[in-house]
Amino acid sequence: MKKDVMMNEYGTLHESNGRYALRFVRSFHHNPEDVFLVITNPSSFAQWSPFATEEMDLRLGGRIAFDDGEGTTYEGSIIELEKPYVSLQEEDKGCRMIFTHTFNDDSWAVNTAVG
């Protein structure tokens, strides 16, 4: 069963069969190609994502490392990657990014929602 659990300016939380997904939508005044380069360059990514490290294996199935600043590190994996149109859609004056973070434990929702 699929349902929306929470929606606010931070993201939309969805639940489906015991798994959770936070969906973020952001608009940028830059073209999709430029935004793609910024979000996929490890040093740029680490500047705008609060817990990102510069460890990123940019390929389908690749890993991205995160450090919570308190001694715990986490890994994410890239499950979709297509330059630049899987998550970036052209708009009149730039593009819109749609990013989905999936996880099993709903206790991650609040901290992840600030995304």
PDB file of N, CA and C in Angstrom:
ATOM      1  N   MET A   1       0.841  -1.182   0.000  1.00  0.00           N
ATOM      2  CA  MET A   1       0.000   0.000   0.000  1.00  0.00           C
ATOM      3  C   MET A   1       0.883   1.241   0.000  1.00  0.00           C
ATOM      4  N   LYS A   2       0.516   2.201  -0.790  1.00  0.00           N
ATOM      5  CA  LYS A   2       1.288   3.423  -0.929  1.00  0.00           C
ATOM      6  C   LYS A   2       0.507   4.590  -0.336  1.00  0.00           C
ATOM      7  N   LYS A   3       1.192   5.450   0.439  1.00  0.00           N
ATOM      8  CA  LYS A   3       0.507   6.621   0.978  1.00  0.00           C
ATOM      9  C   LYS A   3       1.502   7.736   1.261  1.00  0.00           C
ATOM     10  N   ASP A   4       1.025   8.983   1.200  1.00  0.00           N
ATOM     11  CA  ASP A   4       1.826  10.130   1.602  1.00  0.00           C
ATOM     12  C   ASP A   4       1.719  10.243   3.111  1.00  0.00           C
ATOM     13  N   VAL A   5       2.853  10.383   3.780  1.00  0.00           N
ATOM     14  CA  VAL A   5       2.860  10.465   5.221  1.00  0.00           C
ATOM     15  C   VAL A   5       2.975  11.908   5.684  1.00  0.00           C
ATOM     16  N   MET A   6       3.824  12.703   5.037  1.00  0.00           N
ATOM     17  CA  MET A   6       4.069  14.070   5.496  1.00  0.00           C
ATOM     18  C   MET A   6       4.451  14.925   4.291  1.00  0.00           C
ATOM     19  N   MET A   7       4.031  16.172   4.305  1.00  0.00           N
ATOM     20  CA  MET A   7       4.443  17.088   3.251  1.00  0.00           C
ATOM     21  C   MET A   7       4.678  18.454   3.855  1.00  0.00           C
ATOM     22  N   ASN A   8       5.845  19.046   3.532  1.00  0.00           N
ATOM     23  CA  ASN A   8       6.134  20.412   3.941  1.00  0.00           C
ATOM     24  C   ASN A   8       7.181  20.975   2.998  1.00  0.00           C
ATOM     25  N   GLU A   9       7.716  22.153   3.310  1.00  0.00           N
ATOM     26  CA  GLU A   9       8.675  22.788   2.407  1.00  0.00           C
ATOM     27  C   GLU A   9       9.997  22.026   2.318  1.00  0.00           C
ATOM     28  N   TYR A  10      10.239  21.101   3.224  1.00  0.00           N
ATOM     29  CA  TYR A  10      11.489  20.355   3.211  1.00  0.00           C
ATOM     30  C   TYR A  10      11.456  19.160   2.271  1.00  0.00           C
ATOM     31  N   GLY A  11      10.351  18.533   2.124  1.00  0.00           N
ATOM     32  CA  GLY A  11      10.252  17.347   1.284  1.00  0.00           C
ATOM     33  C   GLY A  11       8.916  16.671   1.535  1.00  0.00           C
ATOM     34  N   THR A  12       8.606  15.696   0.698  1.00  0.00           N
ATOM     35  CA  THR A  12       7.383  14.937   0.857  1.00  0.00           C
ATOM     36  C   THR A  12       7.759  13.514   1.216  1.00  0.00           C
ATOM     37  N   LEU A  13       7.223  13.016   2.310  1.00  0.00           N
ATOM     38  CA  LEU A  13       7.515  11.663   2.755  1.00  0.00           C
ATOM     39  C   LEU A  13       6.418  10.732   2.272  1.00  0.00           C
ATOM     40  N   HIS A  14       6.823   9.652   1.629  1.00  0.00           N
ATOM     41  CA  HIS A  14       5.890   8.646   1.143  1.00  0.00           C
ATOM     42  C   HIS A  14       6.238   7.317   1.792  1.00  0.00           C
ATOM     43  N   GLU A  15       5.220   6.492   2.049  1.00  0.00           N
ATOM     44  CA  GLU A  15       5.428   5.158   2.607  1.00  0.00           C
ATOM     45  C   GLU A  15       4.815   4.150   1.661  1.00  0.00           C
ATOM     46  N   SER A  16       5.547   3.080   1.407  1.00  0.00           N
ATOM     47  CA  SER A  16       5.047   2.016   0.546  1.00  0.00           C
ATOM     48  C   SER A  16       5.624   0.693   1.015  1.00  0.00           C
ATOM     49  N   ASN A  17       4.753  -0.188   1.463  1.00  0.00           N
ATOM     50  CA  ASN A  17       5.151  -1.528   1.900  1.00  0.00           C
ATOM     51  C   ASN A  17       6.286  -1.517   2.923  1.00  0.00           C
ATOM     52  N   GLY A  18       6.209  -0.630   3.900  1.00  0.00           N
ATOM     53  CA  GLY A  18       7.208  -0.593   4.965  1.00  0.00           C
ATOM     54  C   GLY A  18       8.491   0.138   4.630  1.00  0.00           C
ATOM     55  N   ARG A  19       8.612   0.687   3.429  1.00  0.00           N
ATOM     56  CA  ARG A  19       9.778   1.492   3.047  1.00  0.00           C
ATOM     57  C   ARG A  19       9.326   2.940   2.922  1.00  0.00           C
ATOM     58  N   TYR A  20      10.278   3.835   3.076  1.00  0.00           N
ATOM     59  CA  TYR A  20       9.971   5.257   3.046  1.00  0.00           C
ATOM     60  C   TYR A  20      10.791   5.946   1.972  1.00  0.00           C
ATOM     61  N   ALA A  21      10.233   6.992   1.409  1.00  0.00           N
ATOM     62  CA  ALA A  21      10.941   7.794   0.411  1.00  0.00           C
ATOM     63  C   ALA A  21      10.642   9.262   0.676  1.00  0.00           C
ATOM     64  N   LEU A  22      11.688  10.050   0.774  1.00  0.00           N
ATOM     65  CA  LEU A  22      11.547  11.503   0.873  1.00  0.00           C
ATOM     66  C   LEU A  22      11.823  12.077  -0.502  1.00  0.00           C
ATOM     67  N   ARG A  23      10.893  12.844  -1.019  1.00  0.00           N
ATOM     68  CA  ARG A  23      11.015  13.432  -2.357  1.00  0.00           C
ATOM     69  C   ARG A  23      11.185  14.932  -2.200  1.00  0.00           C
ATOM     70  N   PHE A  24      12.270  15.438  -2.783  1.00  0.00           N
ATOM     71  CA  PHE A  24      12.572  16.868  -2.747  1.00  0.00           C
ATOM     72  C   PHE A  24      12.444  17.437  -4.149  1.00  0.00           C
ATOM     73  N   VAL A  25      11.920  18.643  -4.252  1.00  0.00           N
ATOM     74  CA  VAL A  25      11.844  19.356  -5.528  1.00  0.00           C
ATOM     75  C   VAL A  25      12.467  20.726  -5.315  1.00  0.00           C
ATOM     76  N   ARG A  26      13.459  21.049  -6.110  1.00  0.00           N
ATOM     77  CA  ARG A  26      14.149  22.342  -6.008  1.00  0.00           C
ATOM     78  C   ARG A  26      14.256  22.965  -7.400  1.00  0.00           C
ATOM     79  N   SER A  27      14.139  24.283  -7.474  1.00  0.00           N
ATOM     80  CA  SER A  27      14.290  25.002  -8.744  1.00  0.00           C
ATOM     81  C   SER A  27      15.583  25.807  -8.727  1.00  0.00           C
ATOM     82  N   PHE A  28      16.243  25.864  -9.884  1.00  0.00           N
ATOM     83  CA  PHE A  28      17.494  26.590 -10.044  1.00  0.00           C
ATOM     84  C   PHE A  28      17.416  27.491 -11.265  1.00  0.00           C
ATOM     85  N   HIS A  29      18.116  28.608 -11.230  1.00  0.00           N
ATOM     86  CA  HIS A  29      18.171  29.530 -12.358  1.00  0.00           C
ATOM     87  C   HIS A  29      19.376  29.215 -13.235  1.00  0.00           C
ATOM     88  N   HIS A  30      19.643  27.935 -13.437  1.00  0.00           N
ATOM     89  CA  HIS A  30      20.755  27.477 -14.274  1.00  0.00           C
ATOM     90  C   HIS A  30      20.258  26.334 -15.133  1.00  0.00           C
ATOM     91  N   ASN A  31      20.933  26.085 -16.246  1.00  0.00           N
ATOM     92  CA  ASN A  31      20.497  25.008 -17.125  1.00  0.00           C
ATOM     93  C   ASN A  31      20.825  23.644 -16.507  1.00  0.00           C
ATOM     94  N   PRO A  32      20.138  22.584 -16.937  1.00  0.00           N
ATOM     95  CA  PRO A  32      20.345  21.256 -16.347  1.00  0.00           C
ATOM     96  C   PRO A  32      21.791  20.764 -16.415  1.00  0.00           C
ATOM     97  N   GLU A  33      22.488  21.058 -17.490  1.00  0.00           N
ATOM     98  CA  GLU A  33      23.863  20.599 -17.634  1.00  0.00           C
ATOM     99  C   GLU A  33      24.779  21.192 -16.560  1.00  0.00           C
ATOM    100  N   ASP A  34      24.627  22.496 -16.292  1.00  0.00           N
ATOM    101  CA  ASP A  34      25.452  23.146 -15.269  1.00  0.00           C
ATOM    102  C   ASP A  34      25.126  22.627 -13.868  1.00  0.00           C
ATOM    103  N   VAL A  35      23.847  22.446 -13.578  1.00  0.00           N
ATOM    104  CA  VAL A  35      23.451  21.929 -12.267  1.00  0.00           C
ATOM    105  C   VAL A  35      23.954  20.492 -12.108  1.00  0.00           C
ATOM    106  N   PHE A  36      23.855  19.700 -13.149  1.00  0.00           N
ATOM    107  CA  PHE A  36      24.344  18.318 -13.099  1.00  0.00           C
ATOM    108  C   PHE A  36      25.831  18.279 -12.753  1.00  0.00           C
ATOM    109  N   LEU A  37      26.610  19.166 -13.362  1.00  0.00           N
ATOM    110  CA  LEU A  37      28.047  19.199 -13.070  1.00  0.00           C
ATOM    111  C   LEU A  37      28.326  19.549 -11.609  1.00  0.00           C
ATOM    112  N   VAL A  38      27.554  20.473 -11.048  1.00  0.00           N
ATOM    113  CA  VAL A  38      27.761  20.868  -9.652  1.00  0.00           C
ATOM    114  C   VAL A  38      27.367  19.740  -8.689  1.00  0.00           C
ATOM    115  N   ILE A  39      26.250  19.071  -8.933  1.00  0.00           N
ATOM    116  CA  ILE A  39      25.808  18.045  -7.986  1.00  0.00           C
ATOM    117  C   ILE A  39      26.544  16.720  -8.153  1.00  0.00           C
ATOM    118  N   THR A  40      27.285  16.558  -9.249  1.00  0.00           N
ATOM    119  CA  THR A  40      28.018  15.298  -9.437  1.00  0.00           C
ATOM    120  C   THR A  40      29.522  15.446  -9.281  1.00  0.00           C
ATOM    121  N   ASN A  41      30.009  16.654  -9.081  1.00  0.00           N
ATOM    122  CA  ASN A  41      31.427  16.857  -8.809  1.00  0.00           C
ATOM    123  C   ASN A  41      31.626  16.686  -7.302  1.00  0.00           C
ATOM    124  N   PRO A  42      32.460  15.713  -6.880  1.00  0.00           N
ATOM    125  CA  PRO A  42      32.581  15.435  -5.444  1.00  0.00           C
ATOM    126  C   PRO A  42      32.921  16.640  -4.578  1.00  0.00           C
ATOM    127  N   SER A  43      33.811  17.513  -5.003  1.00  0.00           N
ATOM    128  CA  SER A  43      34.156  18.656  -4.154  1.00  0.00           C
ATOM    129  C   SER A  43      33.017  19.681  -4.112  1.00  0.00           C
ATOM    130  N   SER A  44      32.298  19.875  -5.201  1.00  0.00           N
ATOM    131  CA  SER A  44      31.137  20.774  -5.202  1.00  0.00           C
ATOM    132  C   SER A  44      30.012  20.199  -4.364  1.00  0.00           C
ATOM    133  N   PHE A  45      29.758  18.911  -4.509  1.00  0.00           N
ATOM    134  CA  PHE A  45      28.703  18.235  -3.761  1.00  0.00           C
ATOM    135  C   PHE A  45      28.927  18.381  -2.254  1.00  0.00           C
ATOM    136  N   ALA A  46      30.167  18.247  -1.822  1.00  0.00           N
ATOM    137  CA  ALA A  46      30.500  18.360  -0.399  1.00  0.00           C
ATOM    138  C   ALA A  46      30.267  19.776   0.130  1.00  0.00           C
ATOM    139  N   GLN A  47      30.268  20.787  -0.757  1.00  0.00           N
ATOM    140  CA  GLN A  47      30.051  22.163  -0.318  1.00  0.00           C
ATOM    141  C   GLN A  47      28.588  22.472  -0.052  1.00  0.00           C
ATOM    142  N   TRP A  48      27.655  21.825  -0.757  1.00  0.00           N
ATOM    143  CA  TRP A  48      26.248  22.155  -0.557  1.00  0.00           C
ATOM    144  C   TRP A  48      25.466  21.084   0.181  1.00  0.00           C
ATOM    145  N   SER A  49      25.972  19.881   0.254  1.00  0.00           N
ATOM    146  CA  SER A  49      25.281  18.834   1.006  1.00  0.00           C
ATOM    147  C   SER A  49      25.921  18.739   2.384  1.00  0.00           C
ATOM    148  N   PRO A  50      25.163  18.949   3.459  1.00  0.00           N
ATOM    149  CA  PRO A  50      25.758  19.127   4.780  1.00  0.00           C
ATOM    150  C   PRO A  50      26.627  17.986   5.289  1.00  0.00           C
ATOM    151  N   PHE A  51      26.356  16.747   4.911  1.00  0.00           N
ATOM    152  CA  PHE A  51      27.131  15.630   5.438  1.00  0.00           C
ATOM    153  C   PHE A  51      27.919  14.893   4.365  1.00  0.00           C
ATOM    154  N   ALA A  52      27.946  15.415   3.163  1.00  0.00           N
ATOM    155  CA  ALA A  52      28.665  14.740   2.085  1.00  0.00           C
ATOM    156  C   ALA A  52      30.165  14.866   2.288  1.00  0.00           C
ATOM    157  N   THR A  53      30.861  13.837   1.889  1.00  0.00           N
ATOM    158  CA  THR A  53      32.313  13.888   1.847  1.00  0.00           C
ATOM    159  C   THR A  53      32.691  14.041   0.376  1.00  0.00           C
ATOM    160  N   GLU A  54      33.943  14.016   0.073  1.00  0.00           N
ATOM    161  CA  GLU A  54      34.338  14.086  -1.335  1.00  0.00           C
ATOM    162  C   GLU A  54      34.479  12.691  -1.933  1.00  0.00           C
ATOM    163  N   GLU A  55      33.903  11.689  -1.258  1.00  0.00           N
ATOM    164  CA  GLU A  55      33.960  10.319  -1.747  1.00  0.00           C
ATOM    165  C   GLU A  55      32.697  10.017  -2.548  1.00  0.00           C
ATOM    166  N   MET A  56      32.847   9.957  -3.883  1.00  0.00           N
ATOM    167  CA  MET A  56      31.719   9.694  -4.762  1.00  0.00           C
ATOM    168  C   MET A  56      32.207   8.882  -5.957  1.00  0.00           C
ATOM    169  N   ASP A  57      31.602   7.738  -6.151  1.00  0.00           N
ATOM    170  CA  ASP A  57      31.895   6.883  -7.292  1.00  0.00           C
ATOM    171  C   ASP A  57      30.771   7.090  -8.296  1.00  0.00           C
ATOM    172  N   LEU A  58      30.954   8.044  -9.201  1.00  0.00           N
ATOM    173  CA  LEU A  58      29.897   8.505 -10.093  1.00  0.00           C
ATOM    174  C   LEU A  58      29.649   7.511 -11.234  1.00  0.00           C
ATOM    175  N   ARG A  59      28.884   6.490 -10.914  1.00  0.00           N
ATOM    176  CA  ARG A  59      28.451   5.495 -11.893  1.00  0.00           C
ATOM    177  C   ARG A  59      27.243   4.781 -11.315  1.00  0.00           C
ATOM    178  N   LEU A  60      26.469   4.148 -12.163  1.00  0.00           N
ATOM    179  CA  LEU A  60      25.330   3.374 -11.705  1.00  0.00           C
ATOM    180  C   LEU A  60      25.825   2.298 -10.745  1.00  0.00           C
ATOM    181  N   GLY A  61      25.277   2.247  -9.550  1.00  0.00           N
ATOM    182  CA  GLY A  61      25.732   1.311  -8.529  1.00  0.00           C
ATOM    183  C   GLY A  61      26.875   1.846  -7.686  1.00  0.00           C
ATOM    184  N   GLY A  62      27.379   3.033  -8.031  1.00  0.00           N
ATOM    185  CA  GLY A  62      28.483   3.631  -7.290  1.00  0.00           C
ATOM    186  C   GLY A  62      28.059   4.076  -5.906  1.00  0.00           C
ATOM    187  N   ARG A  63      29.025   4.314  -5.056  1.00  0.00           N
ATOM    188  CA  ARG A  63      28.777   4.698  -3.667  1.00  0.00           C
ATOM    189  C   ARG A  63      29.062   6.178  -3.434  1.00  0.00           C
ATOM    190  N   ILE A  64      28.321   6.761  -2.498  1.00  0.00           N
ATOM    191  CA  ILE A  64      28.537   8.125  -2.038  1.00  0.00           C
ATOM    192  C   ILE A  64      28.676   8.050  -0.522  1.00  0.00           C
ATOM    193  N   ALA A  65      29.716   8.673   0.023  1.00  0.00           N
ATOM    194  CA  ALA A  65      29.954   8.622   1.468  1.00  0.00           C
ATOM    195  C   ALA A  65      29.448   9.890   2.145  1.00  0.00           C
ATOM    196  N   PHE A  66      28.926   9.724   3.347  1.00  0.00           N
ATOM    197  CA  PHE A  66      28.438  10.821   4.160  1.00  0.00           C
ATOM    198  C   PHE A  66      29.018  10.683   5.567  1.00  0.00           C
ATOM    199  N   ASP A  67      29.306  11.802   6.209  1.00  0.00           N
ATOM    200  CA  ASP A  67      29.846  11.827   7.563  1.00  0.00           C
ATOM    201  C   ASP A  67      28.967  12.772   8.372  1.00  0.00           C
ATOM    202  N   ASP A  68      28.410  12.277   9.479  1.00  0.00           N
ATOM    203  CA  ASP A  68      27.483  13.109  10.253  1.00  0.00           C
ATOM    204  C   ASP A  68      28.172  14.138  11.136  1.00  0.00           C
ATOM    205  N   GLY A  69      29.512  14.191  11.098  1.00  0.00           N
ATOM    206  CA  GLY A  69      30.247  15.158  11.891  1.00  0.00           C
ATOM    207  C   GLY A  69      30.417  14.748  13.344  1.00  0.00           C
ATOM    208  N   GLU A  70      29.846  13.615  13.708  1.00  0.00           N
ATOM    209  CA  GLU A  70      29.939  13.116  15.078  1.00  0.00           C
ATOM    210  C   GLU A  70      30.607  11.746  15.126  1.00  0.00           C
ATOM    211  N   GLY A  71      31.334  11.399  14.065  1.00  0.00           N
ATOM    212  CA  GLY A  71      32.072  10.143  14.045  1.00  0.00           C
ATOM    213  C   GLY A  71      31.397   8.982  13.352  1.00  0.00           C
ATOM    214  N   THR A  72      30.215   9.190  12.810  1.00  0.00           N
ATOM    215  CA  THR A  72      29.525   8.115  12.101  1.00  0.00           C
ATOM    216  C   THR A  72      29.513   8.428  10.618  1.00  0.00           C
ATOM    217  N   THR A  73      29.864   7.434   9.811  1.00  0.00           N
ATOM    218  CA  THR A  73      29.812   7.593   8.362  1.00  0.00           C
ATOM    219  C   THR A  73      28.736   6.671   7.793  1.00  0.00           C
ATOM    220  N   TYR A  74      28.171   7.101   6.697  1.00  0.00           N
ATOM    221  CA  TYR A  74      27.106   6.361   6.024  1.00  0.00           C
ATOM    222  C   TYR A  74      27.459   6.279   4.552  1.00  0.00           C
ATOM    223  N   GLU A  75      26.889   5.295   3.879  1.00  0.00           N
ATOM    224  CA  GLU A  75      27.061   5.175   2.440  1.00  0.00           C
ATOM    225  C   GLU A  75      25.710   5.158   1.767  1.00  0.00           C
ATOM    226  N   GLY A  76      25.637   5.793   0.624  1.00  0.00           N
ATOM    227  CA  GLY A  76      24.475   5.713  -0.232  1.00  0.00           C
ATOM    228  C   GLY A  76      24.922   5.099  -1.536  1.00  0.00           C
ATOM    229  N   SER A  77      23.975   4.646  -2.331  1.00  0.00           N
ATOM    230  CA  SER A  77      24.346   4.105  -3.633  1.00  0.00           C
ATOM    231  C   SER A  77      23.530   4.781  -4.726  1.00  0.00           C
ATOM    232  N   ILE A  78      24.131   4.911  -5.877  1.00  0.00           N
ATOM    233  CA  ILE A  78      23.497   5.553  -7.022  1.00  0.00           C
ATOM    234  C   ILE A  78      22.667   4.494  -7.744  1.00  0.00           C
ATOM    235  N   ILE A  79      21.339   4.690  -7.766  1.00  0.00           N
ATOM    236  CA  ILE A  79      20.483   3.702  -8.406  1.00  0.00           C
ATOM    237  C   ILE A  79      19.947   4.176  -9.757  1.00  0.00           C
ATOM    238  N   GLU A  80      20.095   5.466 -10.056  1.00  0.00           N
ATOM    239  CA  GLU A  80      19.753   6.004 -11.367  1.00  0.00           C
ATOM    240  C   GLU A  80      20.770   7.073 -11.694  1.00  0.00           C
ATOM    241  N   LEU A  81      21.247   7.068 -12.932  1.00  0.00           N
ATOM    242  CA  LEU A  81      22.215   8.082 -13.339  1.00  0.00           C
ATOM    243  C   LEU A  81      22.159   8.230 -14.845  1.00  0.00           C
ATOM    244  N   GLU A  82      21.697   9.388 -15.265  1.00  0.00           N
ATOM    245  CA  GLU A  82      21.630   9.686 -16.694  1.00  0.00           C
ATOM    246  C   GLU A  82      21.844  11.178 -16.845  1.00  0.00           C
ATOM    247  N   LYS A  83      22.868  11.565 -17.560  1.00  0.00           N
ATOM    248  CA  LYS A  83      23.195  12.982 -17.722  1.00  0.00           C
ATOM    249  C   LYS A  83      22.114  13.694 -18.490  1.00  0.00           C
ATOM    250  N   PRO A  84      21.740  14.852 -18.105  1.00  0.00           N
ATOM    251  CA  PRO A  84      21.411  15.242 -16.737  1.00  0.00           C
ATOM    252  C   PRO A  84      19.941  15.083 -16.450  1.00  0.00           C
ATOM    253  N   TYR A  85      19.220  14.288 -17.238  1.00  0.00           N
ATOM    254  CA  TYR A  85      17.767  14.416 -17.251  1.00  0.00           C
ATOM    255  C   TYR A  85      16.963  13.460 -16.391  1.00  0.00           C
ATOM    256  N   VAL A  86      17.577  12.575 -15.629  1.00  0.00           N
ATOM    257  CA  VAL A  86      16.792  11.734 -14.739  1.00  0.00           C
ATOM    258  C   VAL A  86      16.174  12.579 -13.636  1.00  0.00           C
ATOM    259  N   SER A  87      16.944  13.481 -13.067  1.00  0.00           N
ATOM    260  CA  SER A  87      16.429  14.263 -11.942  1.00  0.00           C
ATOM    261  C   SER A  87      16.337  15.753 -12.224  1.00  0.00           C
ATOM    262  N   LEU A  88      16.775  16.200 -13.403  1.00  0.00           N
ATOM    263  CA  LEU A  88      16.748  17.623 -13.733  1.00  0.00           C
ATOM    264  C   LEU A  88      15.875  17.855 -14.957  1.00  0.00           C
ATOM    265  N   GLN A  89      14.861  18.694 -14.788  1.00  0.00           N
ATOM    266  CA  GLN A  89      13.931  18.971 -15.883  1.00  0.00           C
ATOM    267  C   GLN A  89      14.006  20.445 -16.241  1.00  0.00           C
ATOM    268  N   GLU A  90      14.131  20.719 -17.536  1.00  0.00           N
ATOM    269  CA  GLU A  90      14.209  22.113 -17.987  1.00  0.00           C
ATOM    270  C   GLU A  90      12.935  22.866 -17.662  1.00  0.00           C
ATOM    271  N   GLU A  91      13.108  24.116 -17.248  1.00  0.00           N
ATOM    272  CA  GLU A  91      12.002  25.032 -17.028  1.00  0.00           C
ATOM    273  C   GLU A  91      12.322  26.323 -17.759  1.00  0.00           C
ATOM    274  N   ASP A  92      11.406  27.274 -17.764  1.00  0.00           N
ATOM    275  CA  ASP A  92      11.583  28.522 -18.499  1.00  0.00           C
ATOM    276  C   ASP A  92      12.922  29.206 -18.232  1.00  0.00           C
ATOM    277  N   LYS A  93      13.260  29.402 -16.982  1.00  0.00           N
ATOM    278  CA  LYS A  93      14.469  30.158 -16.640  1.00  0.00           C
ATOM    279  C   LYS A  93      15.466  29.306 -15.869  1.00  0.00           C
ATOM    280  N   GLY A  94      15.575  28.040 -16.206  1.00  0.00           N
ATOM    281  CA  GLY A  94      16.514  27.169 -15.515  1.00  0.00           C
ATOM    282  C   GLY A  94      16.062  25.733 -15.526  1.00  0.00           C
ATOM    283  N   CYS A  95      16.044  25.126 -14.343  1.00  0.00           N
ATOM    284  CA  CYS A  95      15.622  23.735 -14.259  1.00  0.00           C
ATOM    285  C   CYS A  95      15.069  23.421 -12.875  1.00  0.00           C
ATOM    286  N   ARG A  96      14.405  22.295 -12.811  1.00  0.00           N
ATOM    287  CA  ARG A  96      13.846  21.795 -11.566  1.00  0.00           C
ATOM    288  C   ARG A  96      14.505  20.457 -11.271  1.00  0.00           C
ATOM    289  N   MET A  97      14.975  20.276 -10.040  1.00  0.00           N
ATOM    290  CA  MET A  97      15.597  19.025  -9.627  1.00  0.00           C
ATOM    291  C   MET A  97      14.617  18.244  -8.768  1.00  0.00           C
ATOM    292  N   ILE A  98      14.467  16.967  -9.075  1.00  0.00           N
ATOM    293  CA  ILE A  98      13.665  16.068  -8.256  1.00  0.00           C
ATOM    294  C   ILE A  98      14.616  15.004  -7.721  1.00  0.00           C
ATOM    295  N   PHE A  99      14.710  14.930  -6.391  1.00  0.00           N
ATOM    296  CA  PHE A  99      15.634  14.025  -5.726  1.00  0.00           C
ATOM    297  C   PHE A  99      14.848  13.181  -4.742  1.00  0.00           C
ATOM    298  N   THR A 100      15.066  11.871  -4.756  1.00  0.00           N
ATOM    299  CA  THR A 100      14.356  10.978  -3.844  1.00  0.00           C
ATOM    300  C   THR A 100      15.350  10.197  -3.005  1.00  0.00           C
ATOM    301  N   HIS A 101      15.165  10.253  -1.700  1.00  0.00           N
ATOM    302  CA  HIS A 101      16.000   9.518  -0.747  1.00  0.00           C
ATOM    303  C   HIS A 101      15.130   8.408  -0.167  1.00  0.00           C
ATOM    304  N   THR A 102      15.526   7.142  -0.348  1.00  0.00           N
ATOM    305  CA  THR A 102      14.739   6.024   0.170  1.00  0.00           C
ATOM    306  C   THR A 102      15.443   5.364   1.350  1.00  0.00           C
ATOM    307  N   PHE A 103      14.647   4.846   2.284  1.00  0.00           N
ATOM    308  CA  PHE A 103      15.197   4.206   3.483  1.00  0.00           C
ATOM    309  C   PHE A 103      14.130   3.318   4.111  1.00  0.00           C
ATOM    310  N   ASN A 104      14.561   2.438   5.020  1.00  0.00           N
ATOM    311  CA  ASN A 104      13.659   1.486   5.660  1.00  0.00           C
ATOM    312  C   ASN A 104      13.139   1.940   7.019  1.00  0.00           C
ATOM    313  N   ASP A 105      13.890   2.751   7.733  1.00  0.00           N
ATOM    314  CA  ASP A 105      13.568   3.139   9.100  1.00  0.00           C
ATOM    315  C   ASP A 105      13.006   4.558   9.115  1.00  0.00           C
ATOM    316  N   ASP A 106      11.753   4.715   9.530  1.00  0.00           N
ATOM    317  CA  ASP A 106      11.124   6.042   9.497  1.00  0.00           C
ATOM    318  C   ASP A 106      11.750   7.039  10.465  1.00  0.00           C
ATOM    319  N   SER A 107      12.620   6.585  11.367  1.00  0.00           N
ATOM    320  CA  SER A 107      13.289   7.533  12.268  1.00  0.00           C
ATOM    321  C   SER A 107      14.267   8.434  11.503  1.00  0.00           C
ATOM    322  N   TRP A 108      14.615   8.052  10.290  1.00  0.00           N
ATOM    323  CA  TRP A 108      15.496   8.883   9.438  1.00  0.00           C
ATOM    324  C   TRP A 108      14.744  10.060   8.829  1.00  0.00           C
ATOM    325  N   ALA A 109      13.450  10.039   8.831  1.00  0.00           N
ATOM    326  CA  ALA A 109      12.655  11.024   8.100  1.00  0.00           C
ATOM    327  C   ALA A 109      12.908  12.461   8.541  1.00  0.00           C
ATOM    328  N   VAL A 110      12.903  12.735   9.814  1.00  0.00           N
ATOM    329  CA  VAL A 110      13.032  14.116  10.290  1.00  0.00           C
ATOM    330  C   VAL A 110      14.403  14.692   9.925  1.00  0.00           C
ATOM    331  N   ASN A 111      15.466  13.974  10.224  1.00  0.00           N
ATOM    332  CA  ASN A 111      16.798  14.480   9.924  1.00  0.00           C
ATOM    333  C   ASN A 111      17.067  14.571   8.431  1.00  0.00           C
ATOM    334  N   THR A 112      16.506  13.663   7.664  1.00  0.00           N
ATOM    335  CA  THR A 112      16.714  13.665   6.223  1.00  0.00           C
ATOM    336  C   THR A 112      15.868  14.743   5.545  1.00  0.00           C
ATOM    337  N   ALA A 113      14.744  15.077   6.113  1.00  0.00           N
ATOM    338  CA  ALA A 113      13.826  16.043   5.496  1.00  0.00           C
ATOM    339  C   ALA A 113      14.418  17.436   5.340  1.00  0.00           C
ATOM    340  N   VAL A 114      15.420  17.787   6.132  1.00  0.00           N
ATOM    341  CA  VAL A 114      16.027  19.106   5.983  1.00  0.00           C
ATOM    342  C   VAL A 114      16.840  19.188   4.718  1.00  0.00           C
ATOM    343  N   GLY A 115      17.137  18.025   4.116  1.00  0.00           N
ATOM    344  CA  GLY A 115      17.800  17.752   2.868  1.00  0.00           C
ATOM    345  C   GLY A 115      18.370  18.808   2.090  1.00  0.00           C
TER     346      GLY A 115
END
